[in-house]
Amino acid sequence: MTALIGVLLLVKMPEEVSMPLIANADKYVHAFLFMVLAWLVYHDARRAHFSSVLVYLTAAVWSIGWGGVLEVVQNYCLTYRSGSWWDFVADLIGIAMGIALARVWQK
């Protein structure tokens, strides 16, 4: 899943993309993708029998790190994409939602 999110966020988009008329639609996509990533990392850490605190730390640190790396790569290594602090904020919101969802789901 981590690789899939990386590919989706780094792939070159066609020049003319018809986006729906939803304000900041790409932020919703970022939040959704990182919600799924954090949820999956959380459950993988639980299956690995990590301690309770380490489960949360693993899900948060891995997902935040991946979001940060992707934004840096977009900003400094690609000419057809640009990194954005607002995209990273959307990633963080998605990560928080994913961990919260995973926590509720486990009960």
N, C-alpha and C. Protein backbone atom coordinates (compact mmCIF):
# COMPACT_ATOMS: atom_id res chain seq x y z
N MET A 1 0.82 -1.18 0.00
CA MET A 1 0.00 0.00 0.00
C MET A 1 0.87 1.25 0.00
N THR A 2 1.97 1.21 0.73
CA THR A 2 2.87 2.35 0.76
C THR A 2 3.38 2.68 -0.63
N ALA A 3 3.77 1.65 -1.38
CA ALA A 3 4.26 1.87 -2.73
C ALA A 3 3.16 2.41 -3.63
N LEU A 4 1.94 1.90 -3.49
CA LEU A 4 0.82 2.37 -4.31
C LEU A 4 0.55 3.85 -4.06
N ILE A 5 0.56 4.26 -2.82
CA ILE A 5 0.35 5.68 -2.49
C ILE A 5 1.47 6.52 -3.08
N GLY A 6 2.70 6.03 -2.99
CA GLY A 6 3.82 6.74 -3.58
C GLY A 6 3.66 6.92 -5.07
N VAL A 7 3.26 5.86 -5.75
CA VAL A 7 3.05 5.94 -7.20
C VAL A 7 1.93 6.92 -7.53
N LEU A 8 0.81 6.83 -6.81
CA LEU A 8 -0.31 7.72 -7.08
C LEU A 8 0.04 9.19 -6.88
N LEU A 9 0.88 9.48 -5.90
CA LEU A 9 1.22 10.87 -5.61
C LEU A 9 2.39 11.39 -6.45
N LEU A 10 3.11 10.51 -7.12
CA LEU A 10 4.26 10.94 -7.92
C LEU A 10 4.04 10.82 -9.42
N VAL A 11 2.98 10.16 -9.83
CA VAL A 11 2.73 9.95 -11.26
C VAL A 11 2.46 11.28 -11.96
N LYS A 12 2.91 11.38 -13.18
CA LYS A 12 2.68 12.60 -13.95
C LYS A 12 1.24 12.63 -14.44
N MET A 13 0.57 13.72 -14.18
CA MET A 13 -0.82 13.89 -14.59
C MET A 13 -0.87 14.43 -16.01
N PRO A 14 -1.92 14.10 -16.76
CA PRO A 14 -2.08 14.68 -18.09
C PRO A 14 -2.18 16.21 -17.98
N GLU A 15 -1.79 16.88 -19.05
CA GLU A 15 -1.81 18.35 -19.04
C GLU A 15 -3.18 18.92 -18.72
N GLU A 16 -4.20 18.38 -19.35
CA GLU A 16 -5.55 18.86 -19.12
C GLU A 16 -6.33 17.81 -18.38
N VAL A 17 -6.51 18.04 -17.10
CA VAL A 17 -7.26 17.11 -16.27
C VAL A 17 -8.57 17.78 -15.91
N SER A 18 -9.65 17.10 -16.18
CA SER A 18 -10.96 17.62 -15.84
C SER A 18 -11.27 17.22 -14.40
N MET A 19 -11.09 18.15 -13.50
CA MET A 19 -11.34 17.88 -12.08
C MET A 19 -12.77 18.28 -11.75
N PRO A 20 -13.40 17.56 -10.84
CA PRO A 20 -14.73 17.96 -10.41
C PRO A 20 -14.67 19.34 -9.75
N LEU A 21 -15.78 19.99 -9.72
CA LEU A 21 -15.83 21.34 -9.16
C LEU A 21 -15.97 21.29 -7.64
N ILE A 22 -15.12 20.50 -7.01
CA ILE A 22 -15.08 20.42 -5.56
C ILE A 22 -13.83 21.15 -5.11
N ALA A 23 -14.01 22.15 -4.29
CA ALA A 23 -12.86 22.93 -3.83
C ALA A 23 -11.89 22.03 -3.08
N ASN A 24 -10.62 22.13 -3.43
CA ASN A 24 -9.55 21.37 -2.77
C ASN A 24 -9.77 19.86 -2.82
N ALA A 25 -10.28 19.36 -3.92
CA ALA A 25 -10.54 17.93 -4.07
C ALA A 25 -9.28 17.10 -3.85
N ASP A 26 -8.13 17.61 -4.26
CA ASP A 26 -6.89 16.85 -4.09
C ASP A 26 -6.55 16.65 -2.62
N LYS A 27 -6.97 17.57 -1.76
CA LYS A 27 -6.70 17.43 -0.32
C LYS A 27 -7.51 16.27 0.26
N TYR A 28 -8.73 16.10 -0.25
CA TYR A 28 -9.54 14.96 0.19
C TYR A 28 -8.89 13.64 -0.23
N VAL A 29 -8.32 13.63 -1.41
CA VAL A 29 -7.62 12.43 -1.90
C VAL A 29 -6.42 12.14 -1.01
N HIS A 30 -5.63 13.16 -0.70
CA HIS A 30 -4.48 12.98 0.20
C HIS A 30 -4.95 12.41 1.54
N ALA A 31 -5.97 13.03 2.12
CA ALA A 31 -6.46 12.59 3.43
C ALA A 31 -6.94 11.14 3.36
N PHE A 32 -7.66 10.78 2.32
CA PHE A 32 -8.16 9.41 2.19
C PHE A 32 -7.02 8.40 2.05
N LEU A 33 -6.07 8.70 1.17
CA LEU A 33 -4.96 7.77 0.96
C LEU A 33 -4.16 7.56 2.24
N PHE A 34 -3.90 8.62 2.98
CA PHE A 34 -3.11 8.48 4.20
C PHE A 34 -3.93 7.92 5.35
N MET A 35 -5.25 8.07 5.32
CA MET A 35 -6.10 7.41 6.30
C MET A 35 -5.98 5.90 6.11
N VAL A 36 -6.06 5.44 4.86
CA VAL A 36 -5.94 4.01 4.56
C VAL A 36 -4.54 3.50 4.95
N LEU A 37 -3.51 4.26 4.60
CA LEU A 37 -2.15 3.85 4.94
C LEU A 37 -1.97 3.70 6.44
N ALA A 38 -2.36 4.71 7.21
CA ALA A 38 -2.20 4.66 8.67
C ALA A 38 -3.00 3.50 9.27
N TRP A 39 -4.20 3.27 8.75
CA TRP A 39 -5.04 2.19 9.24
C TRP A 39 -4.35 0.84 9.00
N LEU A 40 -3.78 0.67 7.81
CA LEU A 40 -3.10 -0.59 7.49
C LEU A 40 -1.83 -0.78 8.31
N VAL A 41 -1.04 0.28 8.46
CA VAL A 41 0.19 0.17 9.25
C VAL A 41 -0.15 -0.15 10.71
N TYR A 42 -1.18 0.48 11.24
CA TYR A 42 -1.64 0.22 12.60
C TYR A 42 -1.95 -1.27 12.77
N HIS A 43 -2.74 -1.81 11.86
CA HIS A 43 -3.13 -3.22 11.98
C HIS A 43 -1.96 -4.16 11.76
N ASP A 44 -1.05 -3.81 10.88
CA ASP A 44 0.16 -4.63 10.71
C ASP A 44 0.99 -4.64 11.98
N ALA A 45 1.12 -3.50 12.62
CA ALA A 45 1.90 -3.41 13.87
C ALA A 45 1.22 -4.23 14.97
N ARG A 46 -0.09 -4.20 15.01
CA ARG A 46 -0.81 -5.03 16.01
C ARG A 46 -0.59 -6.52 15.74
N ARG A 47 -0.64 -6.90 14.46
CA ARG A 47 -0.42 -8.31 14.12
C ARG A 47 1.01 -8.74 14.43
N ALA A 48 1.93 -7.81 14.43
CA ALA A 48 3.33 -8.11 14.76
C ALA A 48 3.53 -8.15 16.28
N HIS A 49 2.45 -7.96 17.02
CA HIS A 49 2.46 -8.01 18.49
C HIS A 49 3.34 -6.93 19.11
N PHE A 50 3.35 -5.76 18.48
CA PHE A 50 4.04 -4.62 19.09
C PHE A 50 3.28 -4.21 20.34
N SER A 51 3.96 -3.54 21.24
CA SER A 51 3.27 -3.02 22.42
C SER A 51 2.27 -1.96 21.98
N SER A 52 1.33 -1.65 22.83
CA SER A 52 0.26 -0.71 22.50
C SER A 52 0.81 0.64 22.06
N VAL A 53 1.77 1.16 22.80
CA VAL A 53 2.36 2.46 22.45
C VAL A 53 3.11 2.36 21.13
N LEU A 54 3.83 1.28 20.92
CA LEU A 54 4.61 1.11 19.70
C LEU A 54 3.71 0.96 18.47
N VAL A 55 2.52 0.41 18.65
CA VAL A 55 1.57 0.31 17.54
C VAL A 55 1.22 1.70 17.04
N TYR A 56 0.87 2.60 17.97
CA TYR A 56 0.52 3.97 17.60
C TYR A 56 1.72 4.71 17.00
N LEU A 57 2.87 4.56 17.64
CA LEU A 57 4.07 5.24 17.14
C LEU A 57 4.44 4.75 15.74
N THR A 58 4.37 3.46 15.52
CA THR A 58 4.71 2.92 14.21
C THR A 58 3.77 3.47 13.14
N ALA A 59 2.47 3.43 13.40
CA ALA A 59 1.50 3.92 12.43
C ALA A 59 1.70 5.40 12.16
N ALA A 60 1.92 6.17 13.20
CA ALA A 60 2.07 7.62 13.04
C ALA A 60 3.40 7.97 12.37
N VAL A 61 4.49 7.46 12.88
CA VAL A 61 5.81 7.84 12.38
C VAL A 61 6.01 7.36 10.93
N TRP A 62 5.62 6.13 10.64
CA TRP A 62 5.78 5.62 9.28
C TRP A 62 4.96 6.46 8.31
N SER A 63 3.70 6.71 8.64
CA SER A 63 2.81 7.44 7.73
C SER A 63 3.25 8.90 7.57
N ILE A 64 3.61 9.55 8.67
CA ILE A 64 4.07 10.94 8.61
C ILE A 64 5.37 11.03 7.81
N GLY A 65 6.28 10.11 8.08
CA GLY A 65 7.54 10.10 7.34
C GLY A 65 7.33 9.92 5.85
N TRP A 66 6.45 9.00 5.49
CA TRP A 66 6.18 8.74 4.08
C TRP A 66 5.55 9.96 3.42
N GLY A 67 4.61 10.60 4.11
CA GLY A 67 3.99 11.81 3.57
C GLY A 67 5.01 12.91 3.37
N GLY A 68 5.89 13.09 4.34
CA GLY A 68 6.93 14.11 4.22
C GLY A 68 7.90 13.83 3.09
N VAL A 69 8.32 12.59 2.97
CA VAL A 69 9.25 12.21 1.89
C VAL A 69 8.61 12.47 0.53
N LEU A 70 7.36 12.09 0.38
CA LEU A 70 6.69 12.30 -0.92
C LEU A 70 6.58 13.77 -1.27
N GLU A 71 6.29 14.62 -0.30
CA GLU A 71 6.18 16.06 -0.58
C GLU A 71 7.55 16.65 -0.93
N VAL A 72 8.60 16.21 -0.25
CA VAL A 72 9.95 16.68 -0.57
C VAL A 72 10.35 16.23 -1.97
N VAL A 73 10.08 14.97 -2.30
CA VAL A 73 10.41 14.47 -3.64
C VAL A 73 9.64 15.25 -4.69
N GLN A 74 8.36 15.49 -4.45
CA GLN A 74 7.57 16.26 -5.41
C GLN A 74 8.13 17.67 -5.59
N ASN A 75 8.57 18.26 -4.52
CA ASN A 75 9.03 19.65 -4.57
C ASN A 75 10.42 19.80 -5.19
N TYR A 76 11.33 18.90 -4.87
CA TYR A 76 12.73 19.08 -5.28
C TYR A 76 13.22 18.15 -6.39
N CYS A 77 12.52 17.07 -6.64
CA CYS A 77 13.03 16.10 -7.60
C CYS A 77 12.19 15.96 -8.86
N LEU A 78 11.01 16.49 -8.87
CA LEU A 78 10.13 16.34 -10.03
C LEU A 78 9.82 17.71 -10.61
N THR A 79 9.84 17.79 -11.93
CA THR A 79 9.52 19.06 -12.58
C THR A 79 8.03 19.18 -12.87
N TYR A 80 7.31 18.07 -12.85
CA TYR A 80 5.90 18.08 -13.20
C TYR A 80 4.96 18.02 -12.00
N ARG A 81 5.51 18.01 -10.80
CA ARG A 81 4.71 18.03 -9.56
C ARG A 81 5.34 19.05 -8.62
N SER A 82 4.58 19.50 -7.67
CA SER A 82 5.13 20.42 -6.67
C SER A 82 4.69 19.97 -5.29
N GLY A 83 5.59 20.10 -4.34
CA GLY A 83 5.26 19.78 -2.96
C GLY A 83 4.42 20.89 -2.36
N SER A 84 3.62 20.54 -1.38
CA SER A 84 2.73 21.52 -0.77
C SER A 84 2.58 21.24 0.71
N TRP A 85 2.72 22.29 1.50
CA TRP A 85 2.49 22.14 2.94
C TRP A 85 1.03 21.76 3.20
N TRP A 86 0.11 22.27 2.38
CA TRP A 86 -1.31 21.96 2.58
C TRP A 86 -1.59 20.50 2.25
N ASP A 87 -0.88 19.95 1.28
CA ASP A 87 -1.01 18.51 1.01
C ASP A 87 -0.53 17.71 2.22
N PHE A 88 0.57 18.16 2.81
CA PHE A 88 1.10 17.47 3.99
C PHE A 88 0.13 17.58 5.17
N VAL A 89 -0.51 18.74 5.33
CA VAL A 89 -1.52 18.90 6.38
C VAL A 89 -2.68 17.93 6.13
N ALA A 90 -3.10 17.80 4.87
CA ALA A 90 -4.16 16.84 4.54
C ALA A 90 -3.71 15.42 4.86
N ASP A 91 -2.43 15.11 4.59
CA ASP A 91 -1.88 13.80 4.95
C ASP A 91 -2.00 13.57 6.45
N LEU A 92 -1.63 14.57 7.24
CA LEU A 92 -1.68 14.46 8.71
C LEU A 92 -3.10 14.24 9.21
N ILE A 93 -4.05 14.95 8.62
CA ILE A 93 -5.45 14.77 9.00
C ILE A 93 -5.90 13.35 8.68
N GLY A 94 -5.52 12.87 7.50
CA GLY A 94 -5.86 11.50 7.13
C GLY A 94 -5.22 10.48 8.06
N ILE A 95 -3.98 10.72 8.45
CA ILE A 95 -3.28 9.81 9.37
C ILE A 95 -4.01 9.76 10.71
N ALA A 96 -4.39 10.91 11.23
CA ALA A 96 -5.13 10.95 12.50
C ALA A 96 -6.46 10.20 12.38
N MET A 97 -7.15 10.40 11.27
CA MET A 97 -8.42 9.69 11.05
C MET A 97 -8.20 8.19 10.94
N GLY A 98 -7.13 7.78 10.25
CA GLY A 98 -6.85 6.36 10.08
C GLY A 98 -6.53 5.67 11.39
N ILE A 99 -5.74 6.32 12.22
CA ILE A 99 -5.40 5.74 13.52
C ILE A 99 -6.63 5.69 14.42
N ALA A 100 -7.43 6.76 14.39
CA ALA A 100 -8.66 6.78 15.19
C ALA A 100 -9.63 5.69 14.71
N LEU A 101 -9.76 5.55 13.40
CA LEU A 101 -10.62 4.52 12.84
C LEU A 101 -10.14 3.12 13.23
N ALA A 102 -8.85 2.91 13.15
CA ALA A 102 -8.28 1.60 13.52
C ALA A 102 -8.54 1.32 15.00
N ARG A 103 -8.40 2.33 15.82
CA ARG A 103 -8.62 2.17 17.27
C ARG A 103 -10.07 1.79 17.55
N VAL A 104 -11.00 2.47 16.90
CA VAL A 104 -12.43 2.19 17.08
C VAL A 104 -12.74 0.79 16.52
N TRP A 105 -12.17 0.47 15.38
CA TRP A 105 -12.42 -0.79 14.70
C TRP A 105 -11.98 -1.98 15.55
N GLN A 106 -10.88 -1.82 16.30
CA GLN A 106 -10.35 -2.95 17.08
C GLN A 106 -11.25 -3.30 18.24
N LYS A 107 -12.10 -2.39 18.67
CA LYS A 107 -12.98 -2.68 19.82
C LYS A 107 -14.14 -3.48 19.42
